[in-house]
Each structure stands twice: as C-alpha cells, then as structure tokens.
Amino acid sequence: MKKLMLVTASLFALGAAAPAVAADLAARPYTKAPPMVQAAYDWSGFYIGINGGGGTSHNSWDIGGLSEGSHDATGGTVGGQVGYRWQQGPIVFGVEAQGNWADFSGDNVSNVFAIDRNRTKIDAFGLFTGQIGYAWNNALLYVKGGAAVTDNKYSILSTITGAQFASATETRWGGTVGVGFEYGFAPNWSAGVEYDHLFMGSSTNTLTGAFVQTDNIKQDADIFTARVNYKFGGPVVARY
C-alpha cells in the first residue's frame, strides 16, 4: 500500500513539473536556418556556335542617273559565330564575329533595257559587332551593332535566252544593327533567335562580258537566324 501511494505521488509530481519543463524548452534560443543558395546563370566567358536561317536583300540598280528598277534577293544562310561576354549584375556586354555562307538571289527586268534582266546574288556575309543586353538569370535580351560585309555577284542576263551578257563581283562593307534573345537551356549551352539589318549603301560596279556596263547599285538586307552557342567555363555562380 505504501508503494502504491509512493508511485501515485511521484506521478502527480511529474505531472506538475511537466508544464515547467515545457516552458523551459520553449524558452530555448531560436537558431536561424542557413540561407538558401540560389543558382544564377553567368553569361561571362568565351563562346562559339552555329546559326542558320534566311534573309533578303533589297537591290536598286541605276545607270547614268536612270533607274533600272529594284529587286529582292532572298534565300537561306548557315554559318558560325565566336565571341566573348562579361557580366556586371544583370547587364551583359559582349563582342562577336560572325561568318555565314548565303544564297540570296533575285532579279528584275531592266526599266531602261527591256532585253536585260539584272540579277544580284549574295554568296556570303560577315558581321563584326559589339552588344549590350539585360539578363534575367538564364534569359538574355540584347541589342548589337557594328560593321557588316557582303560578297556579291552581279549579272546581266538575256530576257530571251537567259544567257549571261556581263557580270561583276564585289566585296562590300557597311554597317549593321540587330536584336536577339538567348536562353541558357543546359550547363554551358544556350539557344536563341536574332534579327539583323544590314546597311550596305551604294557602290558603282562595272560589269563586263559581251558588253561593258557600269551601274550604281544600292543594297540593304534583313537576316533572321536561329543560334546555338557553347560557352567555355562554369555556367552558374552562387547567389544568396
């Protein structure tokens, strides 16, 4: 009987002490959890890539102050690019060189000589540009501008037989502006789309063959490409 009373008293004592113990536990100092580490894409570094798409150039021919008319030369293009970017906060700066094979061709019947069909063909072009953009982690929107060069062939063909009367080739320098969007879809890899306008100005060309003819030819171009780049170096940095 004494043992039963002792056990009962002990249980009551423990029950009375439990709130105090719980209060002591609740009063223990709180330890803050370590901060979460968020991975942020880093656009800095060298990159190399390929691109492909299409384009059109607008070409106006004039002879002796008389307009022979205009035509669009359209077709496909494929090429590659290499560049370097560095990032400061969300702002991304870069330089890039791009070289493309192209097959932009088109023609029109001359307004001055009805027997002549004037044809323009761009075989290749290059872009040498600087760029500035804004990054949302692994998404990058940028604008670019710089120098452009096109490799051209000009031909005068017979509207009757299609035979070539005269031709000339030219490497022409001008300027370019463009805009693009790029997305880092995997470590070191990104894909994007880009639009570029080429201001190639006017130049005088002498076409030779069955006869000699000198034309002033004005040219500009619009190019749309999809791009894939591989960046050398680590793709992410720690951000708290």
Protein backbone atom coordinates (compact mmCIF):
# COMPACT_ATOMS: atom_id res chain seq x y z
CA MET A 1 0.00 0.00 0.00
CA LYS A 2 2.87 2.35 0.82
CA LYS A 3 4.50 1.52 -2.56
CA LEU A 4 1.24 2.34 -4.40
CA MET A 5 0.95 5.67 -2.61
CA LEU A 6 4.60 6.46 -3.41
CA VAL A 7 4.12 5.74 -7.16
CA THR A 8 0.92 7.82 -7.22
CA ALA A 9 2.66 10.74 -5.54
CA SER A 10 5.54 10.50 -8.00
CA LEU A 11 3.16 10.63 -10.99
CA PHE A 12 1.43 13.72 -9.59
CA ALA A 13 4.81 15.36 -9.06
CA LEU A 14 5.88 14.64 -12.65
CA GLY A 15 2.59 15.98 -13.96
CA ALA A 16 3.06 19.21 -12.03
CA ALA A 17 6.62 19.58 -13.27
CA ALA A 18 5.76 18.95 -16.97
CA PRO A 19 4.48 22.48 -17.73
CA ALA A 20 7.60 23.99 -16.21
CA VAL A 21 9.81 21.70 -18.30
CA ALA A 22 7.82 22.56 -21.43
CA ALA A 23 8.19 26.25 -20.62
CA ASP A 24 11.93 25.81 -20.24
CA LEU A 25 12.09 24.03 -23.62
CA ALA A 26 10.08 26.79 -25.33
CA ALA A 27 12.41 29.39 -23.89
CA ARG A 28 15.48 27.90 -25.56
CA PRO A 29 17.09 30.34 -28.01
CA TYR A 30 15.98 30.04 -31.70
CA THR A 31 18.66 29.12 -34.21
CA LYS A 32 18.10 30.62 -37.71
CA ALA A 33 18.24 28.17 -40.59
CA PRO A 34 21.13 28.69 -43.02
CA PRO A 35 20.23 30.85 -46.05
CA MET A 36 19.13 29.18 -49.25
CA VAL A 37 21.66 29.26 -52.09
CA GLN A 38 20.15 30.14 -55.47
CA ALA A 39 22.00 29.19 -58.66
CA ALA A 40 22.35 32.14 -61.08
CA TYR A 41 23.43 31.77 -64.70
CA ASP A 42 26.69 33.52 -65.52
CA TRP A 43 26.96 34.80 -69.12
CA SER A 44 30.65 35.71 -68.79
CA GLY A 45 33.20 33.90 -70.94
CA PHE A 46 34.17 32.86 -74.44
CA TYR A 47 31.60 31.10 -76.63
CA ILE A 48 31.38 29.52 -80.06
CA GLY A 49 28.32 28.46 -82.00
CA ILE A 50 26.42 27.83 -85.22
CA ASN A 51 23.46 29.59 -86.79
CA GLY A 52 21.05 29.14 -89.66
CA GLY A 53 18.04 30.83 -91.16
CA GLY A 54 17.10 33.06 -94.06
CA GLY A 55 17.28 36.56 -95.35
CA THR A 56 16.51 39.01 -98.10
CA SER A 57 18.47 41.88 -99.63
CA HIS A 58 16.91 44.82 -101.48
CA ASN A 59 18.91 45.93 -104.51
CA SER A 60 18.34 49.00 -106.71
CA TRP A 61 20.24 49.43 -110.00
CA ASP A 62 20.81 52.81 -111.71
CA ILE A 63 22.65 53.56 -114.94
CA GLY A 64 23.59 57.12 -115.91
CA GLY A 65 21.08 58.54 -113.45
CA LEU A 66 18.26 56.36 -114.85
CA SER A 67 16.61 53.75 -112.63
CA GLU A 68 16.75 50.21 -113.96
CA GLY A 69 14.45 49.08 -111.17
CA SER A 70 14.81 47.10 -107.93
CA HIS A 71 14.52 43.52 -106.79
CA ASP A 72 14.72 41.45 -103.61
CA ALA A 73 17.32 38.70 -103.40
CA THR A 74 16.11 36.01 -100.97
CA GLY A 75 17.36 32.65 -99.74
CA GLY A 76 18.91 30.67 -96.92
CA THR A 77 22.04 31.02 -94.84
CA VAL A 78 24.15 28.97 -92.43
CA GLY A 79 27.28 29.90 -90.53
CA GLY A 80 29.02 30.28 -87.21
CA GLN A 81 29.95 32.84 -84.58
CA VAL A 82 32.57 33.30 -81.88
CA GLY A 83 32.55 35.89 -79.13
CA TYR A 84 33.20 36.93 -75.56
CA ARG A 85 30.79 38.29 -72.93
CA TRP A 86 31.26 39.72 -69.47
CA GLN A 87 28.52 40.37 -66.95
CA GLN A 88 28.08 43.08 -64.30
CA GLY A 89 24.93 42.42 -62.31
CA PRO A 90 22.11 41.95 -64.82
CA ILE A 91 23.96 43.90 -67.55
CA VAL A 92 25.87 41.84 -70.14
CA PHE A 93 28.44 43.29 -72.56
CA GLY A 94 29.96 41.42 -75.48
CA VAL A 95 31.84 41.37 -78.77
CA GLU A 96 31.25 38.90 -81.59
CA ALA A 97 32.45 37.92 -85.06
CA GLN A 98 30.07 36.01 -87.34
CA GLY A 99 30.65 34.49 -90.78
CA ASN A 100 27.91 32.98 -92.98
CA TRP A 101 27.54 31.25 -96.29
CA ALA A 102 24.44 32.58 -98.08
CA ASP A 103 22.36 32.01 -101.19
CA PHE A 104 20.33 35.22 -101.55
CA SER A 105 19.42 35.75 -105.20
CA GLY A 106 16.85 37.72 -107.19
CA ASP A 107 16.40 39.75 -110.38
CA ASN A 108 14.20 42.11 -112.35
CA VAL A 109 13.82 43.20 -115.96
CA SER A 110 15.62 46.48 -116.60
CA ASN A 111 13.40 49.56 -116.94
CA VAL A 112 15.98 51.00 -119.36
CA PHE A 113 16.94 47.99 -121.49
CA ALA A 114 13.97 45.63 -121.95
CA ILE A 115 16.25 42.82 -123.15
CA ASP A 116 18.27 42.85 -119.93
CA ARG A 117 17.49 41.05 -116.67
CA ASN A 118 19.59 42.38 -113.78
CA ARG A 119 20.44 39.80 -111.10
CA THR A 120 22.04 40.14 -107.66
CA LYS A 121 23.38 37.24 -105.59
CA ILE A 122 24.88 37.40 -102.08
CA ASP A 123 27.19 34.41 -101.58
CA ALA A 124 28.39 35.23 -98.06
CA PHE A 125 28.33 37.87 -95.36
CA GLY A 126 30.11 38.69 -92.11
CA LEU A 127 29.21 40.69 -89.01
CA PHE A 128 31.65 42.24 -86.51
CA THR A 129 29.67 43.69 -83.63
CA GLY A 130 29.51 44.84 -80.04
CA GLN A 131 26.47 44.06 -77.94
CA ILE A 132 24.78 45.04 -74.69
CA GLY A 133 21.98 43.13 -73.00
CA TYR A 134 19.94 42.55 -69.88
CA ALA A 135 19.83 39.12 -68.23
CA TRP A 136 17.07 37.54 -66.17
CA ASN A 137 19.15 34.65 -64.79
CA ASN A 138 19.47 32.31 -67.82
CA ALA A 139 17.42 34.50 -70.21
CA LEU A 140 19.23 37.27 -72.13
CA LEU A 141 17.78 40.04 -74.32
CA TYR A 142 20.38 42.09 -76.22
CA VAL A 143 20.96 44.64 -78.95
CA LYS A 144 24.04 44.76 -81.18
CA GLY A 145 25.71 46.93 -83.78
CA GLY A 146 28.87 47.25 -85.81
CA ALA A 147 30.32 46.50 -89.24
CA ALA A 148 28.99 44.21 -91.97
CA VAL A 149 30.49 42.83 -95.17
CA THR A 150 28.78 41.08 -98.10
CA ASP A 151 30.22 39.07 -101.00
CA ASN A 152 28.16 39.87 -104.12
CA LYS A 153 27.85 38.75 -107.72
CA TYR A 154 26.02 40.94 -110.25
CA SER A 155 24.87 39.60 -113.62
CA ILE A 156 23.04 40.90 -116.69
CA LEU A 157 21.09 38.10 -118.40
CA SER A 158 19.12 37.93 -121.61
CA THR A 159 15.35 38.02 -121.06
CA ILE A 160 15.00 35.92 -124.22
CA THR A 161 17.58 33.13 -123.88
CA GLY A 162 18.77 33.51 -120.27
CA ALA A 163 22.37 33.78 -121.48
CA GLN A 164 24.72 35.93 -119.43
CA PHE A 165 25.74 39.19 -121.11
CA ALA A 166 28.04 40.62 -118.40
CA SER A 167 28.95 40.15 -114.74
CA ALA A 168 30.97 41.53 -111.85
CA THR A 169 31.84 40.54 -108.28
CA GLU A 170 32.24 42.80 -105.29
CA THR A 171 33.09 42.68 -101.58
CA ARG A 172 31.10 45.47 -99.96
CA TRP A 173 31.42 46.94 -96.45
CA GLY A 174 28.66 48.63 -94.48
CA GLY A 175 27.01 48.70 -91.06
CA THR A 176 24.56 46.57 -89.11
CA VAL A 177 22.20 46.76 -86.13
CA GLY A 178 20.34 43.86 -84.60
CA VAL A 179 18.43 42.44 -81.66
CA GLY A 180 18.39 38.95 -80.18
CA PHE A 181 17.10 36.72 -77.41
CA GLU A 182 19.11 33.85 -75.92
CA TYR A 183 18.22 31.22 -73.31
CA GLY A 184 20.60 29.02 -71.33
CA PHE A 185 18.89 25.63 -71.53
CA ALA A 186 21.67 23.42 -70.13
CA PRO A 187 25.08 23.81 -68.47
CA ASN A 188 27.27 25.79 -70.92
CA TRP A 189 24.65 25.59 -73.71
CA SER A 190 22.29 28.32 -74.93
CA ALA A 191 19.94 28.78 -77.87
CA GLY A 192 18.38 31.89 -79.32
CA VAL A 193 17.00 33.85 -82.23
CA GLU A 194 18.37 37.02 -83.83
CA TYR A 195 17.39 39.67 -86.36
CA ASP A 196 19.95 41.87 -88.15
CA HIS A 197 19.55 44.72 -90.62
CA LEU A 198 22.50 45.47 -92.90
CA PHE A 199 23.04 48.98 -94.28
CA MET A 200 25.31 48.39 -97.28
CA GLY A 201 24.93 51.74 -99.06
CA SER A 202 25.61 52.35 -102.76
CA SER A 203 28.60 51.48 -104.94
CA THR A 204 29.50 51.68 -108.61
CA ASN A 205 30.27 48.42 -110.44
CA THR A 206 31.44 47.81 -113.99
CA LEU A 207 30.03 44.59 -115.45
CA THR A 208 32.00 43.05 -118.31
CA GLY A 209 31.38 40.29 -120.86
CA ALA A 210 29.69 40.54 -124.25
CA PHE A 211 29.49 44.27 -123.49
CA VAL A 212 30.57 46.64 -120.71
CA GLN A 213 28.03 48.36 -118.48
CA THR A 214 28.51 50.47 -115.36
CA ASP A 215 25.76 50.54 -112.73
CA ASN A 216 25.37 52.15 -109.34
CA ILE A 217 23.83 49.52 -107.07
CA LYS A 218 22.26 50.28 -103.68
CA GLN A 219 21.85 47.43 -101.21
CA ASP A 220 20.49 46.62 -97.77
CA ALA A 221 19.49 43.30 -96.17
CA ASP A 222 17.36 41.76 -93.43
CA ILE A 223 18.52 38.49 -91.87
CA PHE A 224 16.74 36.16 -89.41
CA THR A 225 18.66 33.32 -87.74
CA ALA A 226 18.37 30.72 -85.00
CA ARG A 227 21.54 30.16 -82.97
CA VAL A 228 23.11 27.59 -80.65
CA ASN A 229 26.17 28.52 -78.55
CA TYR A 230 28.57 26.64 -76.30
CA LYS A 231 30.20 28.73 -73.56
CA PHE A 232 33.55 27.77 -72.07
CA GLY A 233 33.73 27.87 -68.26
CA GLY A 234 31.29 27.31 -65.39
CA PRO A 235 27.68 28.22 -66.19
CA VAL A 236 26.48 29.12 -62.66
CA VAL A 237 27.60 31.13 -59.64
CA ALA A 238 26.28 31.04 -56.06
CA ARG A 239 23.84 33.79 -55.10
CA TYR A 240 22.49 34.19 -51.54
